[in-house]
N, C-alpha and C. Protein backbone atom coordinates (compact mmCIF):
# COMPACT_ATOMS: atom_id res chain seq x y z
N UNK A 1 -34.03 -9.33 -52.87
CA UNK A 1 -34.44 -9.09 -51.23
C UNK A 1 -34.14 -10.03 -49.83
N UNK A 2 -34.07 -11.41 -50.62
CA UNK A 2 -34.04 -12.54 -49.18
C UNK A 2 -32.50 -12.63 -49.21
N UNK A 3 -31.58 -12.48 -50.21
CA UNK A 3 -30.38 -12.64 -50.65
C UNK A 3 -29.75 -11.12 -49.61
N UNK A 4 -30.56 -10.19 -49.42
CA UNK A 4 -29.40 -8.88 -48.67
C UNK A 4 -29.88 -9.13 -47.51
N UNK A 5 -30.74 -9.68 -46.75
CA UNK A 5 -30.87 -9.73 -45.30
C UNK A 5 -29.86 -10.67 -44.98
N UNK A 6 -30.04 -11.73 -46.09
CA UNK A 6 -28.82 -12.98 -45.71
C UNK A 6 -27.36 -12.58 -45.20
N UNK A 7 -27.38 -11.93 -46.58
CA UNK A 7 -25.73 -10.67 -46.40
C UNK A 7 -25.96 -10.30 -44.76
N UNK A 8 -26.65 -9.44 -45.06
CA UNK A 8 -27.05 -8.43 -43.30
C UNK A 8 -26.89 -9.39 -42.11
N UNK A 9 -27.40 -10.66 -42.30
CA UNK A 9 -27.34 -11.34 -40.79
C UNK A 9 -26.29 -11.71 -40.91
N UNK A 10 -25.45 -12.51 -41.78
CA UNK A 10 -24.53 -12.72 -41.67
C UNK A 10 -23.10 -12.28 -41.36
N UNK A 11 -23.22 -11.04 -41.57
CA UNK A 11 -22.25 -9.90 -41.39
C UNK A 11 -22.93 -9.64 -40.02
N UNK A 12 -23.95 -9.31 -39.08
CA UNK A 12 -24.42 -9.03 -38.12
C UNK A 12 -23.48 -10.63 -37.19
N UNK A 13 -24.08 -11.69 -37.27
CA UNK A 13 -23.23 -12.60 -36.78
C UNK A 13 -22.11 -12.74 -36.59
N UNK A 14 -21.20 -12.79 -37.64
CA UNK A 14 -20.18 -12.99 -37.77
C UNK A 14 -19.33 -11.36 -36.62
N UNK A 15 -20.12 -10.85 -37.10
CA UNK A 15 -19.18 -9.39 -36.10
C UNK A 15 -19.49 -9.78 -34.71
N UNK A 16 -20.89 -10.12 -34.19
CA UNK A 16 -21.07 -10.72 -32.96
C UNK A 16 -20.06 -11.56 -32.57
N UNK A 17 -19.73 -12.97 -33.08
CA UNK A 17 -18.65 -13.99 -32.84
C UNK A 17 -17.59 -13.21 -32.75
N UNK A 18 -17.10 -12.40 -33.43
CA UNK A 18 -15.29 -11.70 -33.34
C UNK A 18 -15.80 -11.22 -32.48
N UNK A 19 -16.32 -10.36 -32.04
CA UNK A 19 -16.14 -9.71 -30.43
C UNK A 19 -16.41 -10.53 -29.13
N UNK A 20 -17.15 -11.82 -29.64
CA UNK A 20 -17.21 -11.96 -28.42
C UNK A 20 -15.62 -13.08 -28.36
N UNK A 21 -15.50 -12.99 -29.42
CA UNK A 21 -14.23 -14.17 -28.86
C UNK A 21 -12.92 -13.29 -28.82
N UNK A 22 -12.80 -12.54 -28.93
CA UNK A 22 -11.59 -11.65 -29.29
C UNK A 22 -11.91 -10.83 -27.77
N UNK A 23 -13.02 -10.38 -27.45
CA UNK A 23 -12.87 -9.87 -25.95
C UNK A 23 -12.69 -10.74 -24.91
N UNK A 24 -13.56 -12.04 -24.43
CA UNK A 24 -13.76 -13.06 -23.57
C UNK A 24 -12.41 -14.03 -23.81
N UNK A 25 -11.59 -14.02 -24.98
CA UNK A 25 -10.27 -14.84 -24.91
C UNK A 25 -9.23 -14.31 -24.49
N UNK A 26 -9.25 -12.63 -24.84
CA UNK A 26 -8.26 -11.61 -24.00
C UNK A 26 -8.10 -11.46 -22.77
N UNK A 27 -8.46 -12.20 -21.77
CA UNK A 27 -8.72 -12.02 -20.36
C UNK A 27 -8.57 -12.95 -19.93
N UNK A 28 -7.37 -13.34 -18.63
CA UNK A 28 -7.55 -14.48 -17.65
C UNK A 28 -7.86 -13.90 -16.07
N UNK A 29 -8.32 -15.68 -15.30
CA UNK A 29 -8.35 -14.72 -14.39
C UNK A 29 -7.10 -14.61 -13.03
N UNK A 30 -6.90 -13.77 -12.57
CA UNK A 30 -5.23 -13.40 -11.53
C UNK A 30 -5.32 -14.62 -10.37
N UNK A 31 -4.40 -14.23 -9.89
CA UNK A 31 -4.00 -15.20 -8.80
C UNK A 31 -5.01 -15.02 -7.60
N UNK A 32 -4.95 -15.94 -6.72
CA UNK A 32 -5.86 -15.49 -5.17
C UNK A 32 -5.89 -14.02 -4.48
N UNK A 33 -4.38 -13.34 -5.19
CA UNK A 33 -4.23 -12.43 -4.37
C UNK A 33 -5.92 -11.20 -4.76
N UNK A 34 -5.91 -11.41 -6.07
CA UNK A 34 -6.96 -10.41 -6.38
C UNK A 34 -8.37 -11.01 -6.21
N UNK A 35 -8.54 -12.29 -5.74
CA UNK A 35 -9.66 -12.99 -5.73
C UNK A 35 -10.17 -13.26 -7.11
N UNK A 36 -9.15 -13.58 -8.50
CA UNK A 36 -9.75 -14.05 -9.60
C UNK A 36 -10.36 -12.96 -10.43
N UNK A 37 -9.66 -11.61 -10.15
CA UNK A 37 -10.16 -10.57 -10.87
C UNK A 37 -9.54 -10.91 -12.52
N UNK A 38 -10.21 -10.62 -13.24
CA UNK A 38 -9.59 -10.64 -14.73
C UNK A 38 -8.69 -9.83 -15.17
N UNK A 39 -7.55 -10.29 -15.65
CA UNK A 39 -6.17 -9.60 -15.87
C UNK A 39 -6.21 -9.45 -17.58
N UNK A 40 -6.19 -8.65 -18.36
CA UNK A 40 -5.54 -8.86 -19.74
C UNK A 40 -4.38 -9.68 -19.71
N UNK A 41 -4.64 -10.41 -20.96
CA UNK A 41 -3.60 -11.44 -21.18
C UNK A 41 -1.82 -10.43 -21.74
N UNK A 42 -2.50 -9.60 -22.55
CA UNK A 42 -1.53 -8.69 -23.25
C UNK A 42 -0.76 -7.80 -21.79
N UNK A 43 -0.97 -7.96 -20.92
CA UNK A 43 -0.37 -6.52 -19.87
C UNK A 43 0.60 -7.13 -19.37
N UNK A 44 1.65 -6.48 -18.87
CA UNK A 44 2.97 -7.12 -18.22
C UNK A 44 2.94 -6.55 -17.19
N UNK A 45 3.24 -7.80 -15.97
CA UNK A 45 3.27 -7.31 -14.60
C UNK A 45 5.05 -6.61 -14.16
N UNK A 46 4.98 -5.79 -13.76
CA UNK A 46 5.82 -4.73 -13.62
C UNK A 46 6.13 -4.57 -12.25
N UNK A 47 5.22 -4.83 -11.23
CA UNK A 47 5.36 -4.63 -9.55
C UNK A 47 4.30 -5.57 -9.01
N UNK A 48 4.75 -5.89 -7.84
CA UNK A 48 3.77 -6.69 -7.10
C UNK A 48 4.20 -6.65 -5.92
N UNK A 49 2.94 -6.55 -4.66
CA UNK A 49 2.67 -7.56 -3.74
C UNK A 49 1.65 -7.41 -3.16
N UNK A 50 1.57 -7.85 -1.90
CA UNK A 50 0.11 -8.55 -1.40
C UNK A 50 -1.04 -8.26 -1.67
N UNK A 51 -1.38 -6.96 -1.76
CA UNK A 51 -2.25 -6.22 -1.80
C UNK A 51 -2.79 -5.46 -3.61
N UNK A 52 -1.51 -5.42 -4.33
CA UNK A 52 -1.99 -4.83 -5.31
C UNK A 52 -0.37 -5.55 -6.35
N UNK A 53 -1.09 -5.22 -7.71
CA UNK A 53 -0.23 -5.73 -8.80
C UNK A 53 0.00 -4.41 -10.10
N UNK A 54 0.80 -4.07 -10.26
CA UNK A 54 1.22 -3.19 -11.39
C UNK A 54 1.37 -3.89 -12.76
N UNK A 55 0.30 -3.46 -13.74
CA UNK A 55 0.79 -3.99 -15.19
C UNK A 55 0.73 -2.77 -16.04
N UNK A 56 1.45 -2.84 -16.86
CA UNK A 56 1.97 -2.43 -17.99
C UNK A 56 1.28 -2.83 -19.25
N UNK A 57 0.14 -1.78 -19.97
CA UNK A 57 -1.01 -2.29 -20.64
C UNK A 57 -1.23 -1.48 -21.57
N UNK A 58 -1.34 -1.13 -22.59
CA UNK A 58 -1.11 -0.11 -23.75
C UNK A 58 -2.53 0.53 -24.35
N UNK A 59 -3.36 -0.48 -23.52
CA UNK A 59 -4.95 -0.11 -24.00
C UNK A 59 -5.33 0.90 -22.25
N UNK A 60 -5.13 1.21 -21.41
CA UNK A 60 -5.38 1.75 -20.58
C UNK A 60 -5.10 3.21 -20.83
N UNK A 61 -5.85 3.80 -19.98
CA UNK A 61 -5.89 5.08 -20.61
C UNK A 61 -6.45 6.15 -18.88
N UNK A 62 -5.91 7.07 -18.81
CA UNK A 62 -6.53 7.97 -17.57
C UNK A 62 -7.76 8.52 -18.40
N UNK A 63 -7.59 9.33 -19.68
CA UNK A 63 -8.68 10.03 -19.44
C UNK A 63 -9.87 9.37 -19.79
N UNK A 64 -9.58 8.04 -20.94
CA UNK A 64 -10.99 7.05 -21.19
C UNK A 64 -11.28 5.99 -20.10
N UNK A 65 -10.53 5.71 -19.20
CA UNK A 65 -10.31 4.63 -18.54
C UNK A 65 -10.46 3.01 -19.04
N UNK A 66 -10.62 2.02 -18.56
CA UNK A 66 -10.52 1.13 -19.28
C UNK A 66 -11.52 0.78 -20.72
N UNK A 67 -11.01 -0.42 -21.44
CA UNK A 67 -11.67 -0.16 -22.34
C UNK A 67 -12.81 -1.00 -22.33
N UNK A 68 -14.13 -0.59 -23.28
CA UNK A 68 -15.38 -1.55 -23.11
C UNK A 68 -15.41 -2.91 -22.41
N UNK A 69 -14.87 -3.00 -24.08
CA UNK A 69 -14.76 -5.01 -23.77
C UNK A 69 -13.80 -5.63 -22.48
N UNK A 70 -13.47 -5.31 -21.63
CA UNK A 70 -12.62 -4.94 -20.28
C UNK A 70 -13.57 -5.09 -19.45
N UNK A 71 -14.63 -3.72 -19.61
CA UNK A 71 -15.52 -3.49 -18.19
C UNK A 71 -16.88 -4.72 -18.81
N UNK A 72 -16.80 -5.39 -20.15
CA UNK A 72 -17.93 -6.26 -20.35
C UNK A 72 -17.78 -7.63 -20.08
N UNK A 73 -16.14 -7.80 -19.82
CA UNK A 73 -15.78 -8.84 -19.26
C UNK A 73 -15.95 -9.25 -17.81
N UNK A 74 -15.68 -7.85 -16.61
CA UNK A 74 -15.43 -8.01 -15.83
C UNK A 74 -17.23 -8.25 -15.43
N UNK A 75 -18.20 -7.49 -16.13
CA UNK A 75 -19.43 -7.76 -15.71
C UNK A 75 -19.69 -9.35 -15.70
N UNK A 76 -19.42 -9.82 -16.80
CA UNK A 76 -19.55 -11.07 -17.26
C UNK A 76 -19.08 -11.85 -16.07
N UNK A 77 -18.31 -11.87 -15.24
CA UNK A 77 -17.89 -12.16 -14.26
C UNK A 77 -18.15 -11.86 -13.14
N UNK A 78 -19.47 -11.10 -12.73
CA UNK A 78 -19.78 -11.45 -11.80
C UNK A 78 -19.34 -9.94 -10.64
N UNK A 79 -18.37 -9.16 -11.81
CA UNK A 79 -17.73 -7.97 -10.75
C UNK A 79 -18.66 -6.74 -10.98
N UNK A 80 -18.97 -5.96 -10.18
CA UNK A 80 -20.18 -4.65 -10.15
C UNK A 80 -19.55 -3.59 -10.33
N UNK A 81 -19.37 -2.63 -10.88
CA UNK A 81 -19.01 -1.77 -11.48
C UNK A 81 -19.08 -0.60 -10.03
N UNK A 82 -18.27 0.00 -8.93
CA UNK A 82 -19.05 0.40 -7.94
C UNK A 82 -18.86 2.41 -7.89
N UNK A 83 -17.87 3.34 -7.08
CA UNK A 83 -17.84 4.58 -6.90
C UNK A 83 -16.62 4.78 -8.18
N UNK A 84 -16.72 5.83 -8.61
CA UNK A 84 -15.43 6.45 -9.11
C UNK A 84 -14.89 7.48 -8.98
N UNK A 85 -13.68 7.66 -8.78
CA UNK A 85 -12.98 9.01 -8.16
C UNK A 85 -11.82 8.87 -9.14
N UNK A 86 -11.74 10.03 -9.78
CA UNK A 86 -11.06 10.12 -10.82
C UNK A 86 -10.34 9.06 -11.45
N UNK A 87 -9.06 8.58 -11.87
CA UNK A 87 -9.01 7.44 -12.37
C UNK A 87 -8.90 5.93 -12.11
N UNK A 88 -9.63 6.00 -10.84
CA UNK A 88 -9.82 4.79 -9.82
C UNK A 88 -11.39 4.25 -10.13
N UNK A 89 -11.61 3.53 -9.83
CA UNK A 89 -12.84 2.72 -10.13
C UNK A 89 -13.17 1.53 -9.46
N UNK A 90 -13.95 1.53 -8.04
CA UNK A 90 -13.33 0.35 -7.43
C UNK A 90 -14.96 -0.70 -7.99
N UNK A 91 -14.50 -2.13 -8.18
CA UNK A 91 -15.36 -3.32 -8.43
C UNK A 91 -15.90 -4.30 -7.15
N UNK A 92 -17.34 -4.86 -6.84
CA UNK A 92 -17.20 -5.58 -6.12
C UNK A 92 -17.74 -6.89 -6.68
N UNK A 93 -17.62 -8.10 -5.72
CA UNK A 93 -17.93 -8.94 -6.15
C UNK A 93 -18.24 -9.88 -4.91
N UNK A 94 -19.56 -9.93 -4.45
CA UNK A 94 -19.25 -10.45 -3.02
C UNK A 94 -19.16 -9.70 -1.91
N UNK A 95 -17.92 -10.04 -1.35
CA UNK A 95 -17.62 -9.69 0.02
C UNK A 95 -15.80 -8.78 -0.49
N UNK A 96 -15.22 -9.28 -1.58
CA UNK A 96 -14.64 -8.95 -2.35
C UNK A 96 -14.23 -7.82 -2.72
N UNK A 97 -13.40 -6.68 -3.01
CA UNK A 97 -13.58 -5.37 -3.47
C UNK A 97 -12.00 -5.28 -4.16
N UNK A 98 -12.29 -4.59 -5.50
CA UNK A 98 -10.25 -4.47 -6.09
C UNK A 98 -10.88 -2.84 -6.26
N UNK A 99 -9.94 -2.59 -6.27
CA UNK A 99 -9.83 -0.81 -6.90
C UNK A 99 -8.67 -0.72 -8.19
N UNK A 100 -9.52 -0.52 -9.29
CA UNK A 100 -8.94 -0.36 -10.80
C UNK A 100 -8.61 0.83 -11.15
N UNK A 101 -7.24 1.25 -10.86
CA UNK A 101 -7.13 2.66 -11.51
C UNK A 101 -5.96 2.43 -12.92
N UNK A 102 -6.17 3.38 -13.76
CA UNK A 102 -5.97 3.53 -14.95
C UNK A 102 -5.24 4.37 -15.72
N UNK A 103 -4.02 4.45 -15.82
CA UNK A 103 -3.44 5.50 -16.18
C UNK A 103 -3.09 5.56 -17.48
N UNK A 104 -1.87 6.60 -17.82
CA UNK A 104 -1.32 5.95 -19.22
C UNK A 104 -0.91 4.67 -19.37
N UNK A 105 -1.21 3.93 -20.21
CA UNK A 105 -0.39 2.51 -20.78
C UNK A 105 0.08 1.83 -19.30
N UNK A 106 -0.54 2.17 -18.06
CA UNK A 106 -0.70 1.39 -17.15
C UNK A 106 -1.98 1.20 -15.99
N UNK A 107 -1.81 -0.65 -15.42
CA UNK A 107 -3.08 -0.79 -14.85
C UNK A 107 -2.67 -0.98 -13.74
N UNK A 108 -3.61 -0.77 -12.73
CA UNK A 108 -3.10 -1.02 -11.29
C UNK A 108 -4.48 -1.43 -10.82
N UNK A 109 -4.23 -2.76 -10.16
CA UNK A 109 -5.08 -3.65 -9.44
C UNK A 109 -4.98 -3.21 -8.18
N UNK A 110 -5.74 -3.08 -6.99
CA UNK A 110 -5.71 -3.12 -5.61
C UNK A 110 -6.34 -3.72 -4.87
N UNK A 111 -6.31 -4.79 -4.17
CA UNK A 111 -7.30 -5.58 -3.13
C UNK A 111 -8.09 -4.63 -2.38
N UNK A 112 -9.41 -4.19 -1.87
CA UNK A 112 -9.03 -3.52 -0.55
C UNK A 112 -10.14 -4.15 0.36
N UNK A 113 -8.99 -4.11 1.40
CA UNK A 113 -9.43 -5.29 2.72
C UNK A 113 -10.74 -4.42 3.40
């Protein structure tokens, strides 16, 4: 019985560590233009201007929004999820606001002034 609980505890611990490392090391802080908003490392920047950046990212979905792991990283970095309108979700951290639009294979980050 103890051996079974040891295996279960080991599997749960390993799964938790795996989730932590694959989630938190898959994102990096963006430039000052987006107030350090976390961006997926696998996302490829396709367009940018002063207030917005457009990324090509295979995990973005208009129907499902951003992945759960990305939401966890945003929350851990102090970004609070706000109002949602269709594929657009507003995140707030202090005075800063970022509008995240998730479309099929596209991630658009817009800084709200």
